[in-house]
PDB file of N, CA and C in Angstrom:
ATOM      1  N   MET A   1      24.527  -4.037   6.677  1.00  0.00           N
ATOM      2  CA  MET A   1      23.308  -4.087   5.882  1.00  0.00           C
ATOM      3  C   MET A   1      23.471  -3.247   4.624  1.00  0.00           C
ATOM      4  N   LYS A   2      23.044  -3.781   3.546  1.00  0.00           N
ATOM      5  CA  LYS A   2      23.038  -3.069   2.273  1.00  0.00           C
ATOM      6  C   LYS A   2      21.895  -2.064   2.279  1.00  0.00           C
ATOM      7  N   LYS A   3      22.198  -0.825   1.929  1.00  0.00           N
ATOM      8  CA  LYS A   3      21.144   0.178   1.804  1.00  0.00           C
ATOM      9  C   LYS A   3      20.352  -0.104   0.525  1.00  0.00           C
ATOM     10  N   HIS A   4      19.077  -0.034   0.633  1.00  0.00           N
ATOM     11  CA  HIS A   4      18.213  -0.299  -0.513  1.00  0.00           C
ATOM     12  C   HIS A   4      17.838   1.013  -1.174  1.00  0.00           C
ATOM     13  N   ARG A   5      17.870   1.003  -2.458  1.00  0.00           N
ATOM     14  CA  ARG A   5      17.435   2.175  -3.235  1.00  0.00           C
ATOM     15  C   ARG A   5      15.948   1.980  -3.495  1.00  0.00           C
ATOM     16  N   TYR A   6      15.147   2.572  -2.642  1.00  0.00           N
ATOM     17  CA  TYR A   6      13.705   2.294  -2.675  1.00  0.00           C
ATOM     18  C   TYR A   6      13.077   2.590  -4.020  1.00  0.00           C
ATOM     19  N   LYS A   7      13.589   3.597  -4.734  1.00  0.00           N
ATOM     20  CA  LYS A   7      12.996   3.945  -6.023  1.00  0.00           C
ATOM     21  C   LYS A   7      13.195   2.850  -7.064  1.00  0.00           C
ATOM     22  N   GLU A   8      14.151   1.957  -6.814  1.00  0.00           N
ATOM     23  CA  GLU A   8      14.410   0.846  -7.732  1.00  0.00           C
ATOM     24  C   GLU A   8      13.641  -0.416  -7.340  1.00  0.00           C
ATOM     25  N   LEU A   9      13.008  -0.409  -6.173  1.00  0.00           N
ATOM     26  CA  LEU A   9      12.254  -1.573  -5.708  1.00  0.00           C
ATOM     27  C   LEU A   9      10.904  -1.646  -6.427  1.00  0.00           C
ATOM     28  N   LYS A  10      10.614  -2.804  -7.020  1.00  0.00           N
ATOM     29  CA  LYS A  10       9.339  -2.985  -7.731  1.00  0.00           C
ATOM     30  C   LYS A  10       8.138  -2.769  -6.808  1.00  0.00           C
ATOM     31  N   ILE A  11       8.261  -3.182  -5.538  1.00  0.00           N
ATOM     32  CA  ILE A  11       7.132  -2.993  -4.619  1.00  0.00           C
ATOM     33  C   ILE A  11       6.850  -1.513  -4.395  1.00  0.00           C
ATOM     34  N   TRP A  12       7.898  -0.681  -4.370  1.00  0.00           N
ATOM     35  CA  TRP A  12       7.690   0.754  -4.209  1.00  0.00           C
ATOM     36  C   TRP A  12       7.056   1.323  -5.478  1.00  0.00           C
ATOM     37  N   GLN A  13       7.574   0.929  -6.648  1.00  0.00           N
ATOM     38  CA  GLN A  13       7.049   1.429  -7.920  1.00  0.00           C
ATOM     39  C   GLN A  13       5.576   1.061  -8.100  1.00  0.00           C
ATOM     40  N   LYS A  14       5.247  -0.203  -7.834  1.00  0.00           N
ATOM     41  CA  LYS A  14       3.857  -0.642  -7.968  1.00  0.00           C
ATOM     42  C   LYS A  14       2.958   0.049  -6.940  1.00  0.00           C
ATOM     43  N   SER A  15       3.492   0.284  -5.762  1.00  0.00           N
ATOM     44  CA  SER A  15       2.723   0.979  -4.727  1.00  0.00           C
ATOM     45  C   SER A  15       2.447   2.426  -5.121  1.00  0.00           C
ATOM     46  N   MET A  16       3.406   3.057  -5.764  1.00  0.00           N
ATOM     47  CA  MET A  16       3.192   4.426  -6.239  1.00  0.00           C
ATOM     48  C   MET A  16       2.100   4.458  -7.313  1.00  0.00           C
ATOM     49  N   ASP A  17       2.118   3.475  -8.214  1.00  0.00           N
ATOM     50  CA  ASP A  17       1.056   3.381  -9.233  1.00  0.00           C
ATOM     51  C   ASP A  17      -0.299   3.176  -8.570  1.00  0.00           C
ATOM     52  N   LEU A  18      -0.317   2.363  -7.530  1.00  0.00           N
ATOM     53  CA  LEU A  18      -1.565   2.099  -6.797  1.00  0.00           C
ATOM     54  C   LEU A  18      -2.115   3.383  -6.176  1.00  0.00           C
ATOM     55  N   VAL A  19      -1.242   4.212  -5.627  1.00  0.00           N
ATOM     56  CA  VAL A  19      -1.691   5.482  -5.039  1.00  0.00           C
ATOM     57  C   VAL A  19      -2.453   6.299  -6.080  1.00  0.00           C
ATOM     58  N   GLU A  20      -1.905   6.378  -7.280  1.00  0.00           N
ATOM     59  CA  GLU A  20      -2.581   7.128  -8.341  1.00  0.00           C
ATOM     60  C   GLU A  20      -3.963   6.554  -8.641  1.00  0.00           C
ATOM     61  N   GLU A  21      -4.054   5.240  -8.686  1.00  0.00           N
ATOM     62  CA  GLU A  21      -5.353   4.603  -8.954  1.00  0.00           C
ATOM     63  C   GLU A  21      -6.350   4.876  -7.837  1.00  0.00           C
ATOM     64  N   ILE A  22      -5.887   4.810  -6.607  1.00  0.00           N
ATOM     65  CA  ILE A  22      -6.779   5.057  -5.471  1.00  0.00           C
ATOM     66  C   ILE A  22      -7.274   6.501  -5.489  1.00  0.00           C
ATOM     67  N   TYR A  23      -6.403   7.447  -5.790  1.00  0.00           N
ATOM     68  CA  TYR A  23      -6.835   8.849  -5.866  1.00  0.00           C
ATOM     69  C   TYR A  23      -7.891   9.030  -6.963  1.00  0.00           C
ATOM     70  N   THR A  24      -7.748   8.334  -8.065  1.00  0.00           N
ATOM     71  CA  THR A  24      -8.752   8.395  -9.136  1.00  0.00           C
ATOM     72  C   THR A  24     -10.086   7.838  -8.638  1.00  0.00           C
ATOM     73  N   ILE A  25     -10.024   6.724  -7.931  1.00  0.00           N
ATOM     74  CA  ILE A  25     -11.253   6.120  -7.394  1.00  0.00           C
ATOM     75  C   ILE A  25     -11.918   7.045  -6.382  1.00  0.00           C
ATOM     76  N   THR A  26     -11.136   7.621  -5.484  1.00  0.00           N
ATOM     77  CA  THR A  26     -11.746   8.453  -4.434  1.00  0.00           C
ATOM     78  C   THR A  26     -12.374   9.722  -5.010  1.00  0.00           C
ATOM     79  N   LYS A  27     -11.854  10.191  -6.142  1.00  0.00           N
ATOM     80  CA  LYS A  27     -12.480  11.354  -6.784  1.00  0.00           C
ATOM     81  C   LYS A  27     -13.899  11.036  -7.230  1.00  0.00           C
ATOM     82  N   SER A  28     -14.172   9.759  -7.485  1.00  0.00           N
ATOM     83  CA  SER A  28     -15.502   9.377  -7.961  1.00  0.00           C
ATOM     84  C   SER A  28     -16.498   9.109  -6.828  1.00  0.00           C
ATOM     85  N   LEU A  29     -16.014   9.104  -5.596  1.00  0.00           N
ATOM     86  CA  LEU A  29     -16.918   8.863  -4.463  1.00  0.00           C
ATOM     87  C   LEU A  29     -17.786  10.087  -4.204  1.00  0.00           C
ATOM     88  N   PRO A  30     -18.968   9.892  -3.667  1.00  0.00           N
ATOM     89  CA  PRO A  30     -19.848  11.026  -3.383  1.00  0.00           C
ATOM     90  C   PRO A  30     -19.247  11.957  -2.324  1.00  0.00           C
ATOM     91  N   SER A  31     -19.675  13.191  -2.359  1.00  0.00           N
ATOM     92  CA  SER A  31     -19.138  14.207  -1.440  1.00  0.00           C
ATOM     93  C   SER A  31     -19.384  13.866   0.024  1.00  0.00           C
ATOM     94  N   GLN A  32     -20.377  13.034   0.316  1.00  0.00           N
ATOM     95  CA  GLN A  32     -20.615  12.650   1.711  1.00  0.00           C
ATOM     96  C   GLN A  32     -19.439  11.863   2.283  1.00  0.00           C
ATOM     97  N   GLU A  33     -18.543  11.379   1.422  1.00  0.00           N
ATOM     98  CA  GLU A  33     -17.361  10.644   1.879  1.00  0.00           C
ATOM     99  C   GLU A  33     -16.115  11.524   1.981  1.00  0.00           C
ATOM    100  N   ASP A  34     -16.279  12.846   1.798  1.00  0.00           N
ATOM    101  CA  ASP A  34     -15.127  13.754   1.830  1.00  0.00           C
ATOM    102  C   ASP A  34     -14.338  13.683   3.130  1.00  0.00           C
ATOM    103  N   PHE A  35     -14.996  13.392   4.225  1.00  0.00           N
ATOM    104  CA  PHE A  35     -14.307  13.347   5.516  1.00  0.00           C
ATOM    105  C   PHE A  35     -14.330  11.946   6.119  1.00  0.00           C
ATOM    106  N   ASN A  36     -14.714  10.967   5.324  1.00  0.00           N
ATOM    107  CA  ASN A  36     -14.793   9.589   5.800  1.00  0.00           C
ATOM    108  C   ASN A  36     -13.892   8.692   4.968  1.00  0.00           C
ATOM    109  N   LEU A  37     -14.464   8.014   4.006  1.00  0.00           N
ATOM    110  CA  LEU A  37     -13.700   7.030   3.233  1.00  0.00           C
ATOM    111  C   LEU A  37     -12.653   7.631   2.298  1.00  0.00           C
ATOM    112  N   LYS A  38     -12.929   8.781   1.700  1.00  0.00           N
ATOM    113  CA  LYS A  38     -11.950   9.365   0.763  1.00  0.00           C
ATOM    114  C   LYS A  38     -10.583   9.563   1.414  1.00  0.00           C
ATOM    115  N   PRO A  39     -10.494  10.325   2.493  1.00  0.00           N
ATOM    116  CA  PRO A  39      -9.157  10.523   3.077  1.00  0.00           C
ATOM    117  C   PRO A  39      -8.563   9.243   3.654  1.00  0.00           C
ATOM    118  N   GLN A  40      -9.413   8.367   4.150  1.00  0.00           N
ATOM    119  CA  GLN A  40      -8.918   7.113   4.725  1.00  0.00           C
ATOM    120  C   GLN A  40      -8.287   6.231   3.643  1.00  0.00           C
ATOM    121  N   LEU A  41      -8.966   6.086   2.521  1.00  0.00           N
ATOM    122  CA  LEU A  41      -8.414   5.326   1.394  1.00  0.00           C
ATOM    123  C   LEU A  41      -7.100   5.946   0.913  1.00  0.00           C
ATOM    124  N   ASN A  42      -7.092   7.252   0.767  1.00  0.00           N
ATOM    125  CA  ASN A  42      -5.890   7.935   0.286  1.00  0.00           C
ATOM    126  C   ASN A  42      -4.724   7.753   1.259  1.00  0.00           C
ATOM    127  N   ARG A  43      -4.993   7.907   2.554  1.00  0.00           N
ATOM    128  CA  ARG A  43      -3.926   7.751   3.557  1.00  0.00           C
ATOM    129  C   ARG A  43      -3.356   6.334   3.547  1.00  0.00           C
ATOM    130  N   CYS A  44      -4.221   5.353   3.477  1.00  0.00           N
ATOM    131  CA  CYS A  44      -3.754   3.958   3.440  1.00  0.00           C
ATOM    132  C   CYS A  44      -2.874   3.717   2.223  1.00  0.00           C
ATOM    133  N   ALA A  45      -3.333   4.186   1.082  1.00  0.00           N
ATOM    134  CA  ALA A  45      -2.567   3.984  -0.153  1.00  0.00           C
ATOM    135  C   ALA A  45      -1.201   4.660  -0.062  1.00  0.00           C
ATOM    136  N   VAL A  46      -1.168   5.894   0.408  1.00  0.00           N
ATOM    137  CA  VAL A  46       0.085   6.644   0.524  1.00  0.00           C
ATOM    138  C   VAL A  46       1.023   5.992   1.539  1.00  0.00           C
ATOM    139  N   SER A  47       0.464   5.396   2.556  1.00  0.00           N
ATOM    140  CA  SER A  47       1.261   4.750   3.602  1.00  0.00           C
ATOM    141  C   SER A  47       2.099   3.590   3.067  1.00  0.00           C
ATOM    142  N   ILE A  48       1.621   2.914   2.050  1.00  0.00           N
ATOM    143  CA  ILE A  48       2.324   1.732   1.541  1.00  0.00           C
ATOM    144  C   ILE A  48       3.705   2.106   0.988  1.00  0.00           C
ATOM    145  N   PRO A  49       3.809   2.952  -0.047  1.00  0.00           N
ATOM    146  CA  PRO A  49       5.149   3.289  -0.548  1.00  0.00           C
ATOM    147  C   PRO A  49       5.951   4.152   0.436  1.00  0.00           C
ATOM    148  N   SER A  50       5.253   4.940   1.239  1.00  0.00           N
ATOM    149  CA  SER A  50       5.960   5.798   2.203  1.00  0.00           C
ATOM    150  C   SER A  50       6.732   4.972   3.222  1.00  0.00           C
ATOM    151  N   ASN A  51       6.113   3.919   3.733  1.00  0.00           N
ATOM    152  CA  ASN A  51       6.791   3.071   4.714  1.00  0.00           C
ATOM    153  C   ASN A  51       7.879   2.213   4.077  1.00  0.00           C
ATOM    154  N   ILE A  52       7.707   1.839   2.827  1.00  0.00           N
ATOM    155  CA  ILE A  52       8.778   1.135   2.119  1.00  0.00           C
ATOM    156  C   ILE A  52       9.983   2.060   1.994  1.00  0.00           C
ATOM    157  N   ALA A  53       9.736   3.299   1.604  1.00  0.00           N
ATOM    158  CA  ALA A  53      10.826   4.268   1.458  1.00  0.00           C
ATOM    159  C   ALA A  53      11.492   4.552   2.808  1.00  0.00           C
ATOM    160  N   GLU A  54      10.693   4.769   3.833  1.00  0.00           N
ATOM    161  CA  GLU A  54      11.264   5.065   5.150  1.00  0.00           C
ATOM    162  C   GLU A  54      12.089   3.889   5.667  1.00  0.00           C
ATOM    163  N   GLY A  55      11.573   2.690   5.519  1.00  0.00           N
ATOM    164  CA  GLY A  55      12.293   1.512   5.989  1.00  0.00           C
ATOM    165  C   GLY A  55      13.598   1.283   5.259  1.00  0.00           C
ATOM    166  N   SER A  56      13.634   1.647   3.971  1.00  0.00           N
ATOM    167  CA  SER A  56      14.844   1.412   3.182  1.00  0.00           C
ATOM    168  C   SER A  56      16.029   2.227   3.692  1.00  0.00           C
ATOM    169  N   GLY A  57      15.756   3.294   4.388  1.00  0.00           N
ATOM    170  CA  GLY A  57      16.829   4.139   4.902  1.00  0.00           C
ATOM    171  C   GLY A  57      17.295   3.768   6.299  1.00  0.00           C
ATOM    172  N   ARG A  58      16.730   2.742   6.873  1.00  0.00           N
ATOM    173  CA  ARG A  58      17.095   2.319   8.229  1.00  0.00           C
ATOM    174  C   ARG A  58      18.407   1.557   8.240  1.00  0.00           C
ATOM    175  N   ASP A  59      18.977   1.432   9.425  1.00  0.00           N
ATOM    176  CA  ASP A  59      20.308   0.857   9.572  1.00  0.00           C
ATOM    177  C   ASP A  59      20.350  -0.666   9.639  1.00  0.00           C
ATOM    178  N   SER A  60      19.212  -1.306   9.747  1.00  0.00           N
ATOM    179  CA  SER A  60      19.233  -2.765   9.847  1.00  0.00           C
ATOM    180  C   SER A  60      18.063  -3.358   9.069  1.00  0.00           C
ATOM    181  N   ASN A  61      18.248  -4.594   8.673  1.00  0.00           N
ATOM    182  CA  ASN A  61      17.153  -5.294   7.998  1.00  0.00           C
ATOM    183  C   ASN A  61      15.964  -5.454   8.936  1.00  0.00           C
ATOM    184  N   LYS A  62      16.251  -5.668  10.228  1.00  0.00           N
ATOM    185  CA  LYS A  62      15.173  -5.818  11.211  1.00  0.00           C
ATOM    186  C   LYS A  62      14.293  -4.560  11.239  1.00  0.00           C
ATOM    187  N   SER A  63      14.923  -3.424  11.203  1.00  0.00           N
ATOM    188  CA  SER A  63      14.178  -2.165  11.193  1.00  0.00           C
ATOM    189  C   SER A  63      13.408  -1.993   9.881  1.00  0.00           C
ATOM    190  N   PHE A  64      14.037  -2.354   8.779  1.00  0.00           N
ATOM    191  CA  PHE A  64      13.368  -2.275   7.479  1.00  0.00           C
ATOM    192  C   PHE A  64      12.140  -3.179   7.483  1.00  0.00           C
ATOM    193  N   ILE A  65      12.272  -4.385   8.005  1.00  0.00           N
ATOM    194  CA  ILE A  65      11.155  -5.328   8.071  1.00  0.00           C
ATOM    195  C   ILE A  65      10.003  -4.751   8.887  1.00  0.00           C
ATOM    196  N   HIS A  66      10.339  -4.023   9.953  1.00  0.00           N
ATOM    197  CA  HIS A  66       9.300  -3.377  10.760  1.00  0.00           C
ATOM    198  C   HIS A  66       8.460  -2.434   9.879  1.00  0.00           C
ATOM    199  N   PHE A  67       9.115  -1.636   9.046  1.00  0.00           N
ATOM    200  CA  PHE A  67       8.380  -0.710   8.182  1.00  0.00           C
ATOM    201  C   PHE A  67       7.642  -1.440   7.062  1.00  0.00           C
ATOM    202  N   LEU A  68       8.195  -2.549   6.615  1.00  0.00           N
ATOM    203  CA  LEU A  68       7.466  -3.367   5.636  1.00  0.00           C
ATOM    204  C   LEU A  68       6.193  -3.936   6.260  1.00  0.00           C
ATOM    205  N   ASN A  69       6.265  -4.286   7.532  1.00  0.00           N
ATOM    206  CA  ASN A  69       5.067  -4.778   8.231  1.00  0.00           C
ATOM    207  C   ASN A  69       3.999  -3.685   8.325  1.00  0.00           C
ATOM    208  N   ILE A  70       4.419  -2.466   8.566  1.00  0.00           N
ATOM    209  CA  ILE A  70       3.459  -1.347   8.582  1.00  0.00           C
ATOM    210  C   ILE A  70       2.854  -1.175   7.190  1.00  0.00           C
ATOM    211  N   SER A  71       3.694  -1.280   6.187  1.00  0.00           N
ATOM    212  CA  SER A  71       3.245  -1.132   4.811  1.00  0.00           C
ATOM    213  C   SER A  71       2.212  -2.192   4.432  1.00  0.00           C
ATOM    214  N   ILE A  72       2.490  -3.438   4.780  1.00  0.00           N
ATOM    215  CA  ILE A  72       1.547  -4.509   4.437  1.00  0.00           C
ATOM    216  C   ILE A  72       0.254  -4.373   5.231  1.00  0.00           C
ATOM    217  N   SER A  73       0.358  -3.891   6.465  1.00  0.00           N
ATOM    218  CA  SER A  73      -0.861  -3.643   7.251  1.00  0.00           C
ATOM    219  C   SER A  73      -1.724  -2.593   6.568  1.00  0.00           C
ATOM    220  N   SER A  74      -1.097  -1.550   6.057  1.00  0.00           N
ATOM    221  CA  SER A  74      -1.845  -0.519   5.328  1.00  0.00           C
ATOM    222  C   SER A  74      -2.492  -1.103   4.077  1.00  0.00           C
ATOM    223  N   ALA A  75      -1.811  -2.039   3.428  1.00  0.00           N
ATOM    224  CA  ALA A  75      -2.373  -2.673   2.232  1.00  0.00           C
ATOM    225  C   ALA A  75      -3.614  -3.493   2.573  1.00  0.00           C
ATOM    226  N   PHE A  76      -3.595  -4.178   3.709  1.00  0.00           N
ATOM    227  CA  PHE A  76      -4.783  -4.940   4.121  1.00  0.00           C
ATOM    228  C   PHE A  76      -5.922  -3.999   4.529  1.00  0.00           C
ATOM    229  N   GLU A  77      -5.578  -2.905   5.177  1.00  0.00           N
ATOM    230  CA  GLU A  77      -6.600  -1.915   5.530  1.00  0.00           C
ATOM    231  C   GLU A  77      -7.212  -1.323   4.262  1.00  0.00           C
ATOM    232  N   LEU A  78      -6.365  -1.004   3.296  1.00  0.00           N
ATOM    233  CA  LEU A  78      -6.845  -0.469   2.018  1.00  0.00           C
ATOM    234  C   LEU A  78      -7.766  -1.460   1.322  1.00  0.00           C
ATOM    235  N   GLU A  79      -7.394  -2.731   1.328  1.00  0.00           N
ATOM    236  CA  GLU A  79      -8.217  -3.754   0.695  1.00  0.00           C
ATOM    237  C   GLU A  79      -9.612  -3.800   1.328  1.00  0.00           C
ATOM    238  N   THR A  80      -9.674  -3.716   2.637  1.00  0.00           N
ATOM    239  CA  THR A  80     -10.964  -3.724   3.337  1.00  0.00           C
ATOM    240  C   THR A  80     -11.801  -2.517   2.931  1.00  0.00           C
ATOM    241  N   GLN A  81     -11.181  -1.362   2.829  1.00  0.00           N
ATOM    242  CA  GLN A  81     -11.911  -0.163   2.439  1.00  0.00           C
ATOM    243  C   GLN A  81     -12.395  -0.238   0.991  1.00  0.00           C
ATOM    244  N   LEU A  82     -11.619  -0.901   0.153  1.00  0.00           N
ATOM    245  CA  LEU A  82     -12.079  -1.118  -1.225  1.00  0.00           C
ATOM    246  C   LEU A  82     -13.327  -1.995  -1.245  1.00  0.00           C
ATOM    247  N   PHE A  83     -13.335  -3.041  -0.416  1.00  0.00           N
ATOM    248  CA  PHE A  83     -14.535  -3.878  -0.319  1.00  0.00           C
ATOM    249  C   PHE A  83     -15.726  -3.045   0.157  1.00  0.00           C
ATOM    250  N   LEU A  84     -15.481  -2.123   1.066  1.00  0.00           N
ATOM    251  CA  LEU A  84     -16.556  -1.258   1.563  1.00  0.00           C
ATOM    252  C   LEU A  84     -17.137  -0.378   0.459  1.00  0.00           C
ATOM    253  N   ILE A  85     -16.275   0.262  -0.319  1.00  0.00           N
ATOM    254  CA  ILE A  85     -16.825   1.141  -1.360  1.00  0.00           C
ATOM    255  C   ILE A  85     -17.531   0.327  -2.442  1.00  0.00           C
ATOM    256  N   HIS A  86     -17.100  -0.899  -2.637  1.00  0.00           N
ATOM    257  CA  HIS A  86     -17.828  -1.761  -3.571  1.00  0.00           C
ATOM    258  C   HIS A  86     -19.228  -2.067  -3.021  1.00  0.00           C
ATOM    259  N   ARG A  87     -19.273  -2.398  -1.745  1.00  0.00           N
ATOM    260  CA  ARG A  87     -20.564  -2.746  -1.127  1.00  0.00           C
ATOM    261  C   ARG A  87     -21.482  -1.532  -1.009  1.00  0.00           C
ATOM    262  N   LEU A  88     -20.924  -0.390  -0.659  1.00  0.00           N
ATOM    263  CA  LEU A  88     -21.744   0.800  -0.433  1.00  0.00           C
ATOM    264  C   LEU A  88     -22.140   1.513  -1.722  1.00  0.00           C
ATOM    265  N   TYR A  89     -21.241   1.528  -2.706  1.00  0.00           N
ATOM    266  CA  TYR A  89     -21.476   2.344  -3.902  1.00  0.00           C
ATOM    267  C   TYR A  89     -21.386   1.549  -5.205  1.00  0.00           C
ATOM    268  N   ASP A  90     -21.259   0.236  -5.094  1.00  0.00           N
ATOM    269  CA  ASP A  90     -21.188  -0.644  -6.254  1.00  0.00           C
ATOM    270  C   ASP A  90     -20.099  -0.207  -7.237  1.00  0.00           C
ATOM    271  N   ILE A  91     -18.981   0.248  -6.700  1.00  0.00           N
ATOM    272  CA  ILE A  91     -17.828   0.629  -7.521  1.00  0.00           C
ATOM    273  C   ILE A  91     -17.020  -0.634  -7.808  1.00  0.00           C
ATOM    274  N   GLU A  92     -16.663  -0.823  -9.061  1.00  0.00           N
ATOM    275  CA  GLU A  92     -15.893  -1.989  -9.478  1.00  0.00           C
ATOM    276  C   GLU A  92     -14.459  -1.884  -8.940  1.00  0.00           C
ATOM    277  N   ILE A  93     -14.049  -2.889  -8.199  1.00  0.00           N
ATOM    278  CA  ILE A  93     -12.732  -2.846  -7.560  1.00  0.00           C
ATOM    279  C   ILE A  93     -11.850  -4.050  -7.913  1.00  0.00           C
ATOM    280  N   ASN A  94     -12.343  -4.986  -8.712  1.00  0.00           N
ATOM    281  CA  ASN A  94     -11.598  -6.225  -8.955  1.00  0.00           C
ATOM    282  C   ASN A  94     -10.166  -5.992  -9.399  1.00  0.00           C
ATOM    283  N   GLU A  95      -9.987  -5.139 -10.388  1.00  0.00           N
ATOM    284  CA  GLU A  95      -8.652  -4.911 -10.937  1.00  0.00           C
ATOM    285  C   GLU A  95      -7.708  -4.297  -9.898  1.00  0.00           C
ATOM    286  N   VAL A  96      -8.166  -3.271  -9.227  1.00  0.00           N
ATOM    287  CA  VAL A  96      -7.307  -2.618  -8.237  1.00  0.00           C
ATOM    288  C   VAL A  96      -7.100  -3.511  -7.020  1.00  0.00           C
ATOM    289  N   GLN A  97      -8.102  -4.285  -6.669  1.00  0.00           N
ATOM    290  CA  GLN A  97      -7.980  -5.195  -5.531  1.00  0.00           C
ATOM    291  C   GLN A  97      -6.941  -6.275  -5.832  1.00  0.00           C
ATOM    292  N   GLU A  98      -6.880  -6.745  -7.066  1.00  0.00           N
ATOM    293  CA  GLU A  98      -5.854  -7.711  -7.466  1.00  0.00           C
ATOM    294  C   GLU A  98      -4.455  -7.106  -7.344  1.00  0.00           C
ATOM    295  N   LYS A  99      -4.341  -5.836  -7.682  1.00  0.00           N
ATOM    296  CA  LYS A  99      -3.041  -5.150  -7.543  1.00  0.00           C
ATOM    297  C   LYS A  99      -2.641  -5.032  -6.082  1.00  0.00           C
ATOM    298  N   VAL A 100      -3.604  -4.770  -5.224  1.00  0.00           N
ATOM    299  CA  VAL A 100      -3.321  -4.699  -3.787  1.00  0.00           C
ATOM    300  C   VAL A 100      -2.827  -6.055  -3.294  1.00  0.00           C
ATOM    301  N   GLU A 101      -3.495  -7.127  -3.708  1.00  0.00           N
ATOM    302  CA  GLU A 101      -3.066  -8.472  -3.309  1.00  0.00           C
ATOM    303  C   GLU A 101      -1.660  -8.789  -3.813  1.00  0.00           C
ATOM    304  N   GLU A 102      -1.371  -8.375  -5.030  1.00  0.00           N
ATOM    305  CA  GLU A 102      -0.031  -8.600  -5.580  1.00  0.00           C
ATOM    306  C   GLU A 102       1.024  -7.868  -4.744  1.00  0.00           C
ATOM    307  N   ILE A 103       0.730  -6.634  -4.377  1.00  0.00           N
ATOM    308  CA  ILE A 103       1.658  -5.849  -3.556  1.00  0.00           C
ATOM    309  C   ILE A 103       1.828  -6.496  -2.181  1.00  0.00           C
ATOM    310  N   GLN A 104       0.747  -6.979  -1.609  1.00  0.00           N
ATOM    311  CA  GLN A 104       0.836  -7.679  -0.315  1.00  0.00           C
ATOM    312  C   GLN A 104       1.796  -8.864  -0.418  1.00  0.00           C
ATOM    313  N   LYS A 105       1.648  -9.666  -1.462  1.00  0.00           N
ATOM    314  CA  LYS A 105       2.512 -10.838  -1.655  1.00  0.00           C
ATOM    315  C   LYS A 105       3.968 -10.418  -1.864  1.00  0.00           C
ATOM    316  N   MET A 106       4.164  -9.366  -2.631  1.00  0.00           N
ATOM    317  CA  MET A 106       5.519  -8.891  -2.892  1.00  0.00           C
ATOM    318  C   MET A 106       6.189  -8.396  -1.614  1.00  0.00           C
ATOM    319  N   ILE A 107       5.440  -7.655  -0.812  1.00  0.00           N
ATOM    320  CA  ILE A 107       6.004  -7.147   0.445  1.00  0.00           C
ATOM    321  C   ILE A 107       6.353  -8.311   1.361  1.00  0.00           C
ATOM    322  N   ARG A 108       5.446  -9.269   1.468  1.00  0.00           N
ATOM    323  CA  ARG A 108       5.698 -10.433   2.326  1.00  0.00           C
ATOM    324  C   ARG A 108       6.942 -11.190   1.858  1.00  0.00           C
ATOM    325  N   SER A 109       7.064 -11.428   0.567  1.00  0.00           N
ATOM    326  CA  SER A 109       8.220 -12.143   0.030  1.00  0.00           C
ATOM    327  C   SER A 109       9.519 -11.369   0.280  1.00  0.00           C
ATOM    328  N   PHE A 110       9.468 -10.073   0.063  1.00  0.00           N
ATOM    329  CA  PHE A 110      10.655  -9.243   0.284  1.00  0.00           C
ATOM    330  C   PHE A 110      11.051  -9.251   1.753  1.00  0.00           C
ATOM    331  N   SER A 111      10.076  -9.165   2.611  1.00  0.00           N
ATOM    332  CA  SER A 111      10.327  -9.202   4.056  1.00  0.00           C
ATOM    333  C   SER A 111      10.985 -10.528   4.454  1.00  0.00           C
ATOM    334  N   ILE A 112      10.474 -11.630   3.925  1.00  0.00           N
ATOM    335  CA  ILE A 112      11.043 -12.953   4.216  1.00  0.00           C
ATOM    336  C   ILE A 112      12.490 -13.023   3.726  1.00  0.00           C
ATOM    337  N   SER A 113      12.739 -12.483   2.532  1.00  0.00           N
ATOM    338  CA  SER A 113      14.112 -12.522   2.002  1.00  0.00           C
ATOM    339  C   SER A 113      15.065 -11.673   2.838  1.00  0.00           C
ATOM    340  N   LEU A 114      14.598 -10.548   3.349  1.00  0.00           N
ATOM    341  CA  LEU A 114      15.439  -9.716   4.224  1.00  0.00           C
ATOM    342  C   LEU A 114      15.733 -10.425   5.541  1.00  0.00           C
ATOM    343  N   ASN A 115      14.776 -11.182   5.998  1.00  0.00           N
ATOM    344  CA  ASN A 115      14.934 -11.907   7.268  1.00  0.00           C
ATOM    345  C   ASN A 115      16.011 -12.974   7.168  1.00  0.00           C
ATOM    346  N   LYS A 116      16.252 -13.467   5.969  1.00  0.00           N
ATOM    347  CA  LYS A 116      17.243 -14.536   5.773  1.00  0.00           C
ATOM    348  C   LYS A 116      18.669 -13.999   5.648  1.00  0.00           C
ATOM    349  N   ILE A 117      18.815 -12.701   5.451  1.00  0.00           N
ATOM    350  CA  ILE A 117      20.150 -12.101   5.281  1.00  0.00           C
ATOM    351  C   ILE A 117      20.803 -11.884   6.634  1.00  0.00           C
TER     352      ILE A 117
END
């Protein structure tokens, strides 16, 4: 198996940018969310590039795909939480939600390509 340089992967780079955006959004949430949605959103966002990086260091594509699956699951969880903050606090999420969807598609495509190797 070829070792992947995660820092060169577009999905990792875009996921890192997404983390920054999510942290900006969570700063704008009311203090009543300090122990609820804020940390949950942040953890989900951080989980995406973290699992891509962790998987890239594994010894097999099968193992890497496992971590990509965790990463995409975190992206879907994050998307749901974004819908929640939109519904609860009328925070505009369209732009960031589109980025989450793009990352989901990229992870899925990358996972499929690894499966073929």
